[in-house]
Amino acid sequence: MSRPQQAGVALLLVMLTVWAIRSLAIGDDESATPSPATANAAADSAVAEERDGAVVVASADVEGVPVGYPPSEAGATTAAVNWVASFSTLVRMGPLRLSDSLQRLMTESGAAAGVDEAVADYLTFLDEFGGDFGERIWIEAPLRTATTEFTADAAEVSVWAALITGDPASGPVEVLWRTHRISLRWEREDWRVEAVAVQEGPTPVPVEAALPSPPSEFESVDSWTPAVFADTTIGES
């Protein structure tokens, strides 16, 4: 890879991390949080259903991002994992659609300020990489997850994922390993993202014998449905 290409990819990855940390840090909304008694009762009901073998499935979507989870730990974890898998959907939205979608997906308090920053950073992407920014390969694949904190109205979930991105025509297509730490709150009858912090790694050593595929081969894979959606979303009838 040439030095200009290396610099461009490095800038892109830094900008992606900054976007995730700066733009999606949303404050609390105490007024929208259900009372502890109501939230606890809902969580107990959801846990009972899961013990009976019910599968956690998002009941709807907002512009392709799954929503509508049960008020349980499994519901919060699934919401966080599907949020990470939806990165490619979010990054391909135009500014107006992105703003509207984030306001619907995230907690209400501070959403206006957070969404404005996200859109501003998105426009910076467009300035740096041109109008075909959305035509790049964008695949964020969640690999492992851990729920580190959970109450009836809040959860903290970590998701280790691989971000594959690059130009499908000229390449290079590269992978960035990163860990998302997602804060969620039970608000407006769903788990909604309150804050996201992303840090690079853990990063494995690549297999020396593995030869990179041509950039064009990633184009068809990029159109596939995220694997984590298979059992956690309602497909088209």
Protein backbone atom coordinates (compact mmCIF):
# COMPACT_ATOMS: atom_id res chain seq x y z
CA MET A 1 0.00 0.00 0.00
CA SER A 2 1.33 3.45 -0.86
CA ARG A 3 2.03 6.05 1.82
CA PRO A 4 -0.93 8.24 0.71
CA GLN A 5 -3.24 5.23 0.99
CA GLN A 6 -1.86 4.38 4.43
CA ALA A 7 -2.41 7.94 5.57
CA GLY A 8 -5.96 7.95 4.22
CA VAL A 9 -6.91 4.71 5.94
CA ALA A 10 -5.31 5.85 9.21
CA LEU A 11 -7.23 9.12 9.08
CA LEU A 12 -10.47 7.27 8.39
CA LEU A 13 -10.03 4.94 11.35
CA VAL A 14 -9.18 7.80 13.70
CA MET A 15 -12.22 9.73 12.52
CA LEU A 16 -14.46 6.71 13.02
CA THR A 17 -13.29 6.33 16.60
CA VAL A 18 -13.68 10.04 17.31
CA TRP A 19 -17.21 9.96 15.85
CA ALA A 20 -18.20 7.07 18.09
CA ILE A 21 -16.77 8.65 21.26
CA ARG A 22 -17.63 12.32 20.76
CA SER A 23 -20.91 12.16 18.94
CA LEU A 24 -22.73 9.41 20.78
CA ALA A 25 -22.11 10.57 24.34
CA ILE A 26 -25.63 11.34 25.48
CA GLY A 27 -26.70 12.46 28.96
CA ASP A 28 -29.26 10.97 31.33
CA ASP A 29 -32.98 11.61 31.05
CA GLU A 30 -34.38 11.02 34.52
CA SER A 31 -37.83 12.30 33.60
CA ALA A 32 -38.27 9.61 30.95
CA THR A 33 -37.14 6.71 33.13
CA PRO A 34 -39.93 4.49 34.48
CA SER A 35 -40.32 4.17 38.24
CA PRO A 36 -38.19 1.43 39.86
CA ALA A 37 -41.30 -0.57 40.74
CA THR A 38 -42.61 -0.49 37.19
CA ALA A 39 -39.22 -1.25 35.66
CA ASN A 40 -38.53 -4.10 38.08
CA ALA A 41 -41.90 -5.69 37.39
CA ALA A 42 -41.32 -5.48 33.63
CA ALA A 43 -37.82 -6.94 33.98
CA ASP A 44 -39.06 -9.82 36.15
CA SER A 45 -41.72 -10.62 33.55
CA ALA A 46 -39.16 -10.58 30.72
CA VAL A 47 -36.75 -12.81 32.64
CA ALA A 48 -39.56 -15.29 33.29
CA GLU A 49 -40.38 -15.40 29.59
CA GLU A 50 -36.73 -16.04 28.69
CA ARG A 51 -36.53 -18.88 31.19
CA ASP A 52 -39.51 -20.43 29.42
CA GLY A 53 -37.44 -20.57 26.25
CA ALA A 54 -38.55 -17.39 24.49
CA VAL A 55 -35.96 -15.95 22.09
CA VAL A 56 -35.08 -12.26 22.34
CA VAL A 57 -36.18 -10.74 19.04
CA ALA A 58 -36.38 -7.09 18.03
CA SER A 59 -39.99 -6.32 17.23
CA ALA A 60 -39.37 -3.50 14.72
CA ASP A 61 -36.68 -1.32 13.17
CA VAL A 62 -35.82 2.34 12.68
CA GLU A 63 -34.42 2.87 9.18
CA GLY A 64 -32.96 -0.63 9.22
CA VAL A 65 -31.64 -0.55 12.80
CA PRO A 66 -33.42 -3.16 14.97
CA VAL A 67 -35.47 -1.86 17.92
CA GLY A 68 -38.14 -3.14 20.29
CA TYR A 69 -36.46 -5.34 22.89
CA PRO A 70 -37.75 -6.84 26.16
CA PRO A 71 -36.79 -5.06 29.43
CA SER A 72 -34.31 -7.75 30.46
CA GLU A 73 -30.56 -8.31 30.51
CA ALA A 74 -30.76 -10.43 27.37
CA GLY A 75 -32.78 -7.67 25.73
CA ALA A 76 -30.14 -5.07 26.61
CA THR A 77 -27.30 -7.28 25.40
CA THR A 78 -29.06 -8.01 22.12
CA ALA A 79 -29.78 -4.31 21.62
CA ALA A 80 -26.09 -3.47 22.09
CA VAL A 81 -24.85 -6.20 19.73
CA ASN A 82 -27.36 -5.24 17.04
CA TRP A 83 -26.41 -1.58 17.44
CA VAL A 84 -22.79 -2.44 16.63
CA ALA A 85 -23.86 -4.57 13.65
CA SER A 86 -25.91 -1.61 12.39
CA PHE A 87 -22.90 0.68 12.00
CA SER A 88 -22.81 0.14 8.24
CA THR A 89 -26.46 1.20 8.05
CA LEU A 90 -25.89 4.37 10.06
CA VAL A 91 -22.75 5.43 8.22
CA ARG A 92 -24.54 5.22 4.85
CA MET A 93 -27.38 7.53 5.86
CA GLY A 94 -27.46 11.10 4.65
CA PRO A 95 -27.17 13.86 7.29
CA LEU A 96 -30.91 14.47 7.66
CA ARG A 97 -31.80 10.78 7.84
CA LEU A 98 -28.95 10.16 10.28
CA SER A 99 -30.11 12.99 12.53
CA ASP A 100 -33.71 11.76 12.56
CA SER A 101 -32.69 8.14 13.15
CA LEU A 102 -30.33 8.89 16.04
CA GLN A 103 -32.98 10.99 17.79
CA ARG A 104 -35.34 8.03 17.62
CA LEU A 105 -32.74 5.45 18.62
CA MET A 106 -31.09 7.23 21.53
CA THR A 107 -32.13 8.62 24.89
CA GLU A 108 -33.96 11.93 24.77
CA SER A 109 -31.81 13.99 27.13
CA GLY A 110 -28.91 15.61 25.39
CA ALA A 111 -29.88 13.97 22.09
CA ALA A 112 -30.04 17.30 20.26
CA ALA A 113 -26.44 18.16 21.13
CA GLY A 114 -25.19 14.62 20.53
CA VAL A 115 -26.93 14.29 17.20
CA ASP A 116 -25.63 17.66 16.02
CA GLU A 117 -22.06 16.53 16.74
CA ALA A 118 -22.63 13.23 14.95
CA VAL A 119 -23.92 15.00 11.84
CA ALA A 120 -21.03 17.49 11.94
CA ASP A 121 -18.51 14.64 12.07
CA TYR A 122 -20.38 12.85 9.28
CA LEU A 123 -20.05 15.94 7.09
CA THR A 124 -16.33 15.94 7.87
CA PHE A 125 -16.18 12.38 6.52
CA LEU A 126 -17.79 13.58 3.30
CA ASP A 127 -15.31 16.43 2.98
CA GLU A 128 -12.35 14.10 3.47
CA PHE A 129 -13.48 11.13 1.37
CA GLY A 130 -15.93 12.60 -1.13
CA GLY A 131 -19.55 11.98 -2.04
CA ASP A 132 -18.99 8.27 -2.62
CA PHE A 133 -18.18 7.76 1.05
CA GLY A 134 -21.20 5.47 1.43
CA GLU A 135 -19.99 3.29 -1.46
CA ARG A 136 -17.03 2.05 0.56
CA ILE A 137 -17.07 -1.39 2.11
CA TRP A 138 -18.59 -1.08 5.59
CA ILE A 139 -18.92 -4.26 7.63
CA GLU A 140 -18.96 -4.17 11.43
CA ALA A 141 -19.08 -7.74 12.74
CA PRO A 142 -19.70 -8.28 16.47
CA LEU A 143 -17.70 -11.26 17.72
CA ARG A 144 -17.96 -11.42 21.53
CA THR A 145 -20.02 -9.59 24.14
CA ALA A 146 -20.18 -9.16 27.90
CA THR A 147 -22.78 -7.36 30.01
CA THR A 148 -20.77 -5.69 32.76
CA GLU A 149 -23.61 -3.91 34.56
CA PHE A 150 -27.37 -4.40 34.59
CA THR A 151 -30.33 -2.97 36.48
CA ALA A 152 -33.98 -2.70 35.56
CA ASP A 153 -33.43 0.65 33.85
CA ALA A 154 -29.76 0.71 32.80
CA ALA A 155 -27.10 -1.55 31.33
CA GLU A 156 -23.46 -1.47 30.29
CA VAL A 157 -22.45 -3.84 27.50
CA SER A 158 -19.06 -4.42 25.88
CA VAL A 159 -18.86 -5.74 22.32
CA TRP A 160 -15.64 -6.81 20.60
CA ALA A 161 -15.99 -6.43 16.85
CA ALA A 162 -14.13 -6.35 13.56
CA LEU A 163 -14.65 -3.36 11.26
CA ILE A 164 -13.86 -4.16 7.62
CA THR A 165 -13.66 -1.09 5.39
CA GLY A 166 -12.08 0.03 2.15
CA ASP A 167 -12.61 1.01 -1.46
CA PRO A 168 -14.20 -1.93 -3.35
CA ALA A 169 -12.63 -0.81 -6.63
CA SER A 170 -9.06 0.15 -5.75
CA GLY A 171 -8.66 -1.04 -2.17
CA PRO A 172 -7.15 -1.54 0.22
CA VAL A 173 -9.81 -3.31 2.28
CA GLU A 174 -8.54 -3.53 5.85
CA VAL A 175 -9.78 -4.69 9.23
CA LEU A 176 -9.80 -2.76 12.49
CA TRP A 177 -10.40 -4.69 15.70
CA ARG A 178 -12.16 -2.60 18.33
CA THR A 179 -14.19 -2.81 21.51
CA HIS A 180 -17.45 -0.88 21.92
CA ARG A 181 -18.59 -0.01 25.44
CA ILE A 182 -22.26 0.83 25.19
CA SER A 183 -24.42 2.42 27.87
CA LEU A 184 -28.15 1.83 27.52
CA ARG A 185 -31.20 2.99 29.41
CA TRP A 186 -34.73 1.62 29.45
CA GLU A 187 -36.62 4.59 28.09
CA ARG A 188 -39.80 4.98 26.05
CA GLU A 189 -40.48 1.23 26.35
CA ASP A 190 -37.18 0.11 24.81
CA TRP A 191 -33.43 -0.15 25.38
CA ARG A 192 -31.94 3.03 23.93
CA VAL A 193 -28.30 3.99 23.50
CA GLU A 194 -27.14 6.64 25.93
CA ALA A 195 -23.40 6.63 25.26
CA VAL A 196 -20.83 4.76 23.22
CA ALA A 197 -17.06 4.65 23.76
CA VAL A 198 -14.87 2.80 21.29
CA GLN A 199 -11.26 1.78 21.78
CA GLU A 200 -8.94 -0.05 19.43
CA GLY A 201 -8.18 -3.72 20.13
CA PRO A 202 -7.60 -6.34 21.20
CA THR A 203 -5.90 -6.89 17.84
CA PRO A 204 -4.69 -10.38 16.84
CA VAL A 205 -1.59 -11.08 14.77
CA PRO A 206 -2.58 -11.85 11.15
CA VAL A 207 -1.82 -15.28 9.74
CA GLU A 208 1.30 -14.91 7.59
CA ALA A 209 0.16 -17.49 5.05
CA ALA A 210 -3.22 -15.81 4.49
CA LEU A 211 -3.36 -13.91 1.20
CA PRO A 212 -5.66 -10.86 1.00
CA SER A 213 -8.65 -11.15 -1.29
CA PRO A 214 -9.24 -8.68 -4.13
CA PRO A 215 -11.25 -5.66 -2.96
CA SER A 216 -14.11 -6.52 -5.32
CA GLU A 217 -14.79 -9.80 -3.48
CA PHE A 218 -15.91 -7.88 -0.42
CA GLU A 219 -18.62 -6.05 -2.35
CA SER A 220 -21.08 -8.93 -2.40
CA VAL A 221 -20.38 -9.83 1.24
CA ASP A 222 -21.09 -6.22 2.19
CA SER A 223 -24.65 -6.68 0.91
CA TRP A 224 -25.32 -9.68 3.15
CA THR A 225 -27.43 -9.39 6.30
CA PRO A 226 -25.41 -9.26 9.55
CA ALA A 227 -25.27 -12.78 10.98
CA VAL A 228 -26.42 -11.60 14.41
CA PHE A 229 -29.70 -10.43 12.85
CA ALA A 230 -30.59 -13.99 11.85
CA ASP A 231 -32.20 -14.95 15.18
CA THR A 232 -32.75 -11.53 16.71
CA THR A 233 -34.85 -9.66 14.15
CA ILE A 234 -38.11 -10.26 12.35
CA GLY A 235 -37.43 -11.05 8.70
CA GLU A 236 -39.57 -10.05 5.77
CA SER A 237 -42.61 -12.27 5.25
